[in-house]
Protein backbone atom coordinates (compact mmCIF):
# COMPACT_ATOMS: atom_id res chain seq x y z
CA MET A 1 -0.20 -0.13 0.17
CA HIS A 2 2.80 2.57 0.98
CA ASN A 3 4.55 1.74 -2.38
CA LEU A 4 1.56 2.42 -4.35
CA SER A 5 1.00 5.68 -2.28
CA ALA A 6 4.84 6.52 -3.32
CA SER A 7 4.18 5.93 -7.05
CA VAL A 8 0.97 8.25 -7.24
CA GLU A 9 3.29 10.80 -5.38
CA ILE A 10 5.87 10.22 -7.89
CA LEU A 11 3.21 10.79 -10.86
CA ARG A 12 1.50 13.78 -9.15
CA TRP A 13 5.07 15.89 -9.08
CA GLY A 14 4.90 15.12 -13.13
CA GLN A 15 7.73 15.46 -15.59
CA ALA A 16 10.42 17.93 -16.66
CA SER A 17 10.48 18.22 -20.49
CA ILE A 18 12.51 20.09 -22.43
CA PRO A 19 12.48 20.67 -26.42
CA ALA A 20 14.44 18.16 -28.10
CA VAL A 21 15.71 20.46 -30.80
CA LEU A 22 17.94 21.73 -28.26
CA PHE A 23 19.79 18.50 -28.76
CA CYS A 24 19.81 18.98 -32.38
CA TYR A 25 21.37 22.13 -32.41
CA GLY A 26 23.12 22.08 -29.30
CA ARG A 27 26.66 22.19 -30.48
CA GLU A 28 25.53 25.08 -33.17
CA LEU A 29 24.50 27.08 -29.98
CA ASP A 30 27.68 26.15 -28.21
CA LEU A 31 25.73 24.67 -25.54
CA THR A 32 27.29 22.28 -22.79
CA ILE A 33 25.10 19.10 -20.83
CA GLU A 34 25.38 21.90 -17.85
CA ASP A 35 23.49 24.28 -19.92
CA ILE A 36 21.09 21.33 -21.07
CA GLY A 37 20.37 20.92 -17.32
CA VAL A 38 19.88 24.48 -16.64
CA TYR A 39 17.34 24.79 -19.63
CA ALA A 40 15.62 21.68 -18.33
CA ALA A 41 15.00 23.47 -14.78
CA ILE A 42 14.02 26.86 -16.45
CA PHE A 43 11.03 24.96 -18.44
CA TYR A 44 10.03 22.81 -15.19
CA THR A 45 9.94 26.43 -13.63
CA TYR A 46 7.79 27.62 -16.51
CA GLU A 47 5.42 24.51 -16.16
CA LYS A 48 4.80 25.00 -12.62
CA SER A 49 4.67 28.81 -12.42
CA LYS A 50 0.67 28.83 -13.96
CA PRO A 51 -0.85 31.36 -14.58
CA LEU A 52 1.95 33.30 -16.44
CA PHE A 53 1.04 37.09 -15.17
CA GLN A 54 4.32 38.60 -16.17
CA SER A 55 7.26 37.97 -18.78
CA GLY A 56 9.74 34.87 -17.25
CA VAL A 57 10.33 33.40 -14.27
CA SER A 58 12.42 34.57 -11.49
CA VAL A 59 15.90 33.17 -10.60
CA GLY A 60 14.47 32.56 -6.99
CA GLN A 61 11.67 30.50 -8.60
CA ILE A 62 14.30 28.31 -10.57
CA LEU A 63 16.35 27.85 -7.25
CA GLN A 64 12.92 26.94 -5.45
CA MET A 65 11.77 24.28 -7.81
CA CYS A 66 15.12 23.02 -8.61
CA PRO A 67 17.37 22.96 -5.50
CA LEU A 68 19.65 20.77 -6.54
CA ILE A 69 21.43 23.80 -8.81
CA SER A 70 23.59 25.88 -6.36
CA LYS A 71 23.23 29.76 -6.58
CA GLN A 72 26.57 30.15 -8.07
CA LYS A 73 26.27 27.65 -10.28
CA LEU A 74 22.98 29.10 -11.84
CA ALA A 75 24.46 32.59 -12.07
CA ARG A 76 27.32 31.08 -14.17
CA SER A 77 25.31 29.49 -16.49
CA ILE A 78 22.67 32.13 -16.65
CA ASN A 79 25.13 34.72 -17.52
CA ARG A 80 27.15 32.41 -19.85
CA LEU A 81 23.85 31.94 -21.71
CA GLU A 82 22.79 35.76 -21.77
CA LYS A 83 25.91 36.38 -23.27
CA LEU A 84 25.37 33.86 -26.27
CA SER A 85 22.25 35.70 -26.57
CA LEU A 86 20.40 32.70 -25.57
CA LEU A 87 18.09 33.89 -22.69
CA SER A 88 17.22 37.35 -21.60
CA LEU A 89 17.80 38.71 -17.89
CA HIS A 90 15.99 41.60 -16.71
CA GLY A 91 14.59 43.54 -13.72
CA ASN A 92 15.59 45.39 -10.78
CA GLY A 93 16.57 44.46 -7.38
CA SER A 94 18.64 41.47 -6.03
CA PHE A 95 19.64 38.64 -8.42
CA MET A 96 17.27 36.46 -6.95
CA ASP A 97 14.41 38.96 -7.88
CA LYS A 98 15.62 39.02 -11.84
CA ARG A 99 13.53 37.37 -14.54
CA VAL A 100 14.78 34.93 -17.14
CA GLY A 101 13.21 34.91 -20.22
CA LEU A 102 13.57 32.21 -23.02
CA GLU A 103 12.34 34.45 -25.93
CA PRO A 104 15.95 34.64 -27.20
CA LEU A 105 16.41 31.11 -27.44
CA PHE A 106 13.09 30.52 -29.35
CA SER A 107 14.09 33.04 -31.52
CA LYS A 108 17.54 31.67 -32.47
CA LEU A 109 15.96 28.22 -32.79
CA GLU A 110 13.19 29.55 -35.38
CA GLU A 111 16.44 31.26 -37.18
CA LEU A 112 18.08 28.19 -37.64
CA ILE A 113 14.88 25.83 -38.40
CA ILE A 114 13.99 28.37 -40.98
CA ARG A 115 17.33 27.90 -42.30
CA ASP A 116 17.05 24.45 -42.63
CA HIS A 117 13.62 24.29 -43.69
CA HIS A 118 13.09 26.90 -46.39
CA LEU A 119 9.61 26.30 -47.20
CA LEU A 120 8.41 27.44 -43.96
CA THR A 121 9.07 30.92 -44.77
CA LYS A 122 6.69 33.00 -46.91
CA SER A 123 9.63 34.94 -48.99
CA GLU A 124 11.74 32.09 -49.94
CA THR A 125 14.21 34.45 -51.96
CA ALA A 126 14.78 36.87 -49.30
CA VAL A 127 15.54 33.92 -46.82
CA ASN A 128 18.07 32.57 -49.47
CA GLU A 129 19.79 35.86 -49.89
CA ASP A 130 19.99 36.30 -46.06
CA ILE A 131 21.42 32.75 -45.96
CA ILE A 132 23.96 33.36 -48.53
CA ALA A 133 25.35 36.56 -46.96
CA GLU A 134 25.45 34.90 -43.75
CA TYR A 135 27.51 31.97 -45.08
CA ARG A 136 29.67 34.14 -46.98
CA LEU A 137 30.47 35.94 -43.79
CA LYS A 138 31.01 33.01 -41.90
CA ILE A 139 33.52 31.88 -44.86
CA GLU A 140 35.07 35.23 -44.78
CA GLN A 141 35.59 35.04 -40.96
CA LEU A 142 36.76 31.10 -40.92
CA GLU A 143 39.32 32.05 -43.51
CA LEU A 144 40.57 34.63 -41.24
CA ALA A 145 40.71 32.45 -38.22
CA LEU A 146 42.33 29.69 -40.08
CA GLU A 147 45.27 32.42 -41.67
CA GLU A 148 45.59 33.57 -38.18
CA GLU A 149 45.94 29.97 -37.01
CA LYS A 150 48.51 29.07 -39.72
CA ASN A 151 50.50 32.25 -38.37
CA ARG A 152 50.68 30.90 -34.83
CA ASN A 153 51.73 27.78 -35.82
CA ILE A 154 54.78 28.52 -38.13
CA PRO A 155 57.85 27.76 -36.00
CA GLU A 156 60.46 30.20 -35.27
CA MET A 157 62.78 28.61 -37.49
CA LEU A 158 60.97 29.91 -40.48
CA THR A 159 61.50 33.43 -39.85
CA ASN A 160 65.02 32.86 -38.25
CA SER A 161 66.35 30.28 -40.77
CA ASN A 162 69.19 30.35 -43.10
CA GLY A 163 68.65 30.57 -46.79
CA ASN A 164 68.88 26.77 -47.44
CA PHE A 165 66.00 26.10 -45.01
CA LYS A 166 64.03 29.14 -46.21
CA LYS A 167 64.81 27.78 -50.03
CA VAL A 168 63.49 24.54 -49.01
CA ALA A 169 60.44 25.51 -47.07
CA ASP A 170 59.41 27.82 -49.58
CA PHE A 171 59.25 25.08 -52.50
CA ILE A 172 57.19 22.62 -49.80
CA SER A 173 54.72 25.28 -49.52
CA LYS A 174 54.43 25.82 -53.21
CA LYS A 175 54.06 22.38 -53.94
CA THR A 176 51.39 21.59 -51.18
CA GLY A 177 49.72 24.95 -51.68
CA SER A 178 49.79 25.89 -47.81
CA LEU A 179 52.02 27.16 -45.18
CA MET A 180 54.35 24.42 -44.08
CA SER A 181 53.49 22.40 -40.66
CA VAL A 182 55.24 22.24 -37.57
CA LYS A 183 56.26 18.77 -38.08
CA MET A 184 57.33 18.71 -41.50
CA ALA A 185 59.51 22.20 -40.24
CA ASN A 186 61.04 20.17 -37.48
CA GLU A 187 61.95 17.11 -40.09
CA LEU A 188 63.03 19.73 -42.55
CA LYS A 189 65.54 20.95 -39.98
CA ARG A 190 66.69 17.11 -39.41
CA TRP A 191 67.35 16.62 -42.95
CA LEU A 192 69.57 19.36 -43.20
CA ASP A 193 71.32 19.01 -39.98
CA GLU A 194 71.52 16.18 -38.97
CA MET A 195 71.60 14.02 -42.52
CA ALA A 196 73.55 16.60 -43.74
CA MET A 197 71.66 16.84 -46.93
CA THR A 198 72.08 19.78 -49.61
CA PRO A 199 69.20 21.65 -50.40
CA GLU A 200 69.39 20.58 -54.28
CA PHE A 201 69.28 16.75 -53.17
CA LEU A 202 66.11 17.40 -50.83
CA LEU A 203 64.49 19.45 -53.77
CA CYS A 204 64.74 16.79 -55.77
CA MET A 205 64.03 13.96 -53.06
CA LEU A 206 60.77 15.96 -52.37
CA GLU A 207 59.62 16.40 -55.97
CA MET A 208 59.37 12.57 -56.24
CA CYS A 209 57.58 12.42 -53.01
CA PHE A 210 54.79 14.80 -54.00
CA GLU A 211 54.65 13.41 -57.60
CA ARG A 212 53.65 9.93 -55.76
CA ASN A 213 51.36 11.87 -53.28
CA ILE A 214 53.59 10.99 -50.02
CA TYR A 215 53.20 14.28 -48.01
CA ASN A 216 53.35 12.72 -44.63
CA PRO A 217 56.91 14.01 -42.99
CA ARG A 218 56.88 10.73 -41.16
CA HIS A 219 56.91 8.94 -44.52
CA ILE A 220 59.33 11.11 -46.24
CA SER A 221 61.60 10.94 -43.55
CA SER A 222 61.63 7.12 -43.81
CA ILE A 223 62.72 7.38 -47.26
CA ALA A 224 65.35 10.15 -46.45
CA LYS A 225 66.89 7.47 -43.86
CA ASP A 226 67.16 4.88 -46.39
CA LEU A 227 68.63 7.45 -48.84
CA LYS A 228 71.25 8.25 -46.32
CA GLU A 229 71.78 4.59 -45.16
CA TYR A 230 72.14 3.54 -48.97
CA SER A 231 74.44 6.73 -49.79
CA VAL A 232 72.27 7.86 -52.59
CA ASN A 233 73.58 11.40 -53.58
CA SER A 234 72.51 11.86 -57.26
CA VAL A 235 69.43 12.34 -59.29
CA GLU A 236 69.95 8.90 -61.04
CA GLY A 237 70.30 7.23 -57.93
CA LEU A 238 66.90 8.90 -56.76
CA GLU A 239 65.33 7.34 -59.38
CA ASN A 240 66.62 3.93 -59.23
CA TYR A 241 65.66 3.77 -55.46
CA PHE A 242 61.86 5.37 -55.77
CA LYS A 243 61.45 2.66 -58.76
CA LYS A 244 62.88 -0.32 -56.81
CA PHE A 245 61.33 0.58 -53.29
CA VAL A 246 58.26 2.73 -53.63
CA ASP A 247 56.95 2.32 -57.08
CA ASP A 248 57.66 -1.61 -56.97
CA GLY A 249 54.33 -3.49 -56.05
CA THR A 250 52.20 -0.76 -54.70
CA LYS A 251 53.06 2.76 -54.94
CA SER A 252 51.24 3.70 -51.88
CA LYS A 253 53.44 1.14 -49.83
CA LEU A 254 56.59 2.62 -48.34
CA PRO A 255 59.64 0.82 -47.79
CA ARG A 256 60.36 -0.86 -44.35
CA SER A 257 57.05 0.53 -42.95
CA GLU A 258 57.48 -2.26 -40.11
CA PHE A 259 61.15 -1.71 -39.63
CA ASP A 260 62.46 1.44 -38.14
CA PRO A 261 66.21 1.53 -37.02
CA ASP A 262 65.37 4.39 -34.62
CA VAL A 263 62.89 2.74 -32.81
CA ILE A 264 64.62 -0.69 -32.84
CA GLU A 265 68.00 1.37 -31.55
CA PHE A 266 65.96 2.71 -28.58
CA GLY A 267 64.47 -0.45 -27.78
CA LYS A 268 67.65 -2.11 -27.77
CA PHE A 269 69.16 0.35 -25.74
CA THR A 270 66.56 0.54 -22.86
CA GLY A 271 65.63 -3.29 -23.05
CA ILE A 272 61.92 -2.02 -23.78
CA ASP A 273 60.52 -4.05 -26.00
CA MET A 274 59.31 -2.04 -28.82
CA ASN A 275 57.54 -4.48 -31.48
CA ALA A 276 53.88 -3.28 -30.37
CA GLU A 277 52.53 -1.22 -32.80
CA ALA A 278 51.19 1.17 -29.64
CA ARG A 279 54.63 1.71 -28.23
CA ARG A 280 55.97 2.54 -31.48
CA ASN A 281 53.34 5.41 -31.74
CA ILE A 282 54.31 6.38 -28.26
CA TYR A 283 57.96 6.93 -29.89
CA TYR A 284 56.14 9.02 -32.82
CA LYS A 285 54.83 11.04 -30.49
CA TRP A 286 58.33 12.39 -29.08
CA ARG A 287 59.67 12.39 -32.37
CA TYR A 288 57.05 14.26 -34.78
CA ASP A 289 54.33 15.52 -32.49
CA TRP A 290 56.59 16.93 -29.97
CA GLY A 291 59.41 17.84 -32.41
CA PHE A 292 62.32 15.79 -30.24
CA SER A 293 65.50 14.77 -32.11
CA HIS A 294 66.59 10.59 -31.72
CA ALA A 295 69.29 11.89 -29.96
CA MET A 296 67.17 13.47 -26.95
CA ILE A 297 64.88 10.62 -26.90
CA MET A 298 67.80 8.50 -26.30
CA LYS A 299 69.31 10.77 -23.76
CA ALA A 300 65.83 10.29 -21.97
CA GLY A 301 65.82 6.63 -22.03
CA GLN A 302 69.47 6.92 -20.67
CA ILE A 303 68.01 8.80 -17.74
CA MET A 304 65.44 6.26 -17.27
CA CYS A 305 67.85 3.32 -16.85
CA GLN A 306 70.06 5.44 -14.68
CA ARG A 307 66.98 6.31 -12.15
CA THR A 308 64.88 3.26 -12.46
CA LYS A 309 65.28 -0.50 -12.00
CA ASN A 310 62.11 -1.09 -13.76
CA GLY A 311 61.12 1.93 -15.84
CA GLY A 312 59.42 2.14 -18.61
CA LEU A 313 57.89 4.32 -21.48
CA GLU A 314 56.06 6.22 -18.83
CA TYR A 315 59.06 7.59 -17.38
CA VAL A 316 60.72 8.51 -20.73
CA ASP A 317 57.60 10.28 -21.50
CA SER A 318 57.50 12.33 -18.45
CA VAL A 319 61.31 13.35 -18.76
CA LEU A 320 60.51 14.65 -22.27
CA TYR A 321 57.54 16.55 -21.42
CA ASN A 322 59.56 18.54 -18.67
CA TRP A 323 62.03 19.33 -21.19
CA MET A 324 59.14 20.28 -23.35
CA THR A 325 57.73 22.76 -21.18
CA LYS A 326 61.06 24.26 -20.28
CA GLU A 327 62.02 24.24 -24.35
CA ILE A 328 65.37 22.19 -23.46
CA ARG A 329 65.83 20.48 -27.42
CA LEU A 330 69.44 19.87 -27.48
CA PRO A 331 71.55 17.31 -25.54
CA GLU A 332 73.92 19.70 -23.82
CA ASP A 333 70.85 21.95 -22.52
CA ALA A 334 69.92 18.46 -21.07
CA ASP A 335 72.96 17.93 -19.00
CA ARG A 336 72.97 21.22 -17.84
CA GLU A 337 69.35 20.78 -16.81
CA LEU A 338 70.55 17.66 -14.95
CA LYS A 339 73.67 19.11 -13.53
CA GLU A 340 71.69 22.18 -11.91
CA HIS A 341 69.00 19.42 -10.76
CA LYS A 342 71.62 17.32 -8.87
CA ASN A 343 73.10 20.67 -7.43
CA ARG A 344 69.86 21.43 -5.94
CA TYR A 345 69.48 18.36 -4.82
CA LYS A 346 72.51 18.16 -2.75
CA SER A 347 72.15 21.52 -1.52
CA GLU A 348 68.85 20.47 -0.23
CA LYS A 349 70.36 17.05 1.04
CA SER A 350 72.64 18.74 3.09
CA THR A 351 70.14 20.59 5.09
CA HIS A 352 68.73 17.19 6.06
CA LYS A 353 69.86 13.66 7.06
CA LYS A 354 73.06 12.73 4.99
CA VAL A 355 71.89 10.29 2.47
CA PRO A 356 74.85 8.23 0.78
CA GLU A 357 75.46 9.21 -2.73
CA SER A 358 74.64 5.81 -4.58
CA GLU A 359 71.18 6.32 -3.38
CA GLU A 360 70.43 9.11 -6.16
CA TYR A 361 71.45 7.49 -9.00
CA GLU A 362 71.68 3.74 -10.00
CA ILE A 363 74.72 2.34 -12.10
CA TYR A 364 73.56 2.02 -15.77
CA ILE A 365 74.46 -1.03 -17.71
CA SER A 366 72.93 -1.16 -21.40
CA PRO A 367 70.77 -4.50 -22.13
CA VAL A 368 73.34 -5.50 -25.04
CA ARG A 369 76.63 -5.24 -22.32
CA LEU A 370 74.37 -6.84 -19.59
CA GLU A 371 73.72 -9.79 -21.88
CA GLU A 372 77.45 -10.16 -22.73
CA LEU A 373 78.43 -10.34 -19.51
CA LYS A 374 76.02 -12.92 -18.28
CA SER A 375 77.45 -15.11 -21.49
CA ASN A 376 80.90 -14.63 -20.52
CA THR A 377 79.93 -15.76 -16.53
């Protein structure tokens, strides 16, 4: 009997409803799940505040009908929605007495519905012209935003680079039809500095890559690494390489797609099994997304082996992330930072209980050397 009474009481309260159109256009209106919840509370207050003798409902009524929402959270949400022109807040006195109106929301929803359903308007031609003008404005704004984003993403090396870097960078931008990405810029610096490739050779290599629709910096670096390993330094050698390794079989299949000497060297040096694709992707994140050289990644792996007994990729990831936040990109800068850290550690240690020096670092023996020692014994 009591259960039945409770069920009746649940039904007496009714249900809180909210127009489903908000879910359809929620992303376009920049609404969050929290905003949807606030709108649900406002609509529920409208339903329970009958008859309506004045416009809107007060903030106090909303808090009374939905005590789950705190005053601070409701104020923050209402102010945000008002800035988005998705509700109105008017009236004098305290914040609790101000009235919330939904007219701006319905006006915006009507515009969106008419935009997507032209037959709902009487003057279809006029609306189409307005829509075209609105789209043109949005396109112009997006183009400006895209241009600003590209300018922000151009690395400083593009503006403070030498003639060789700029020459190749301009060629890449011209061929791709857009500004050079940060990943491509980092790889270009590697081709010129670490691999010591001439700009003329790079232009030929890139031309052949672009002819085959190869634009991914990682794939191009794989080709450049092969060319360096095979000592290819002429146009004829380039043509033979691309014909034998890139064009042979399927043109979309790149050479040594499952073999990366850098990843294998890192795994052998640290003792971490890098055969899994997920682990290789972590290495590629450091190399291409974060822009670290292979030497810096090896340096982080060495630190992991020195400081931990059972370290892994997580420790290397934390070391590289720390260097990235501090803009440490060269091995000598990393050594300097480690030395400063060690000095700080010693100064702090001197003020506390003396700790043996051996507890700070562990002796590092590479896995390859360790296997040799085991075999000798």
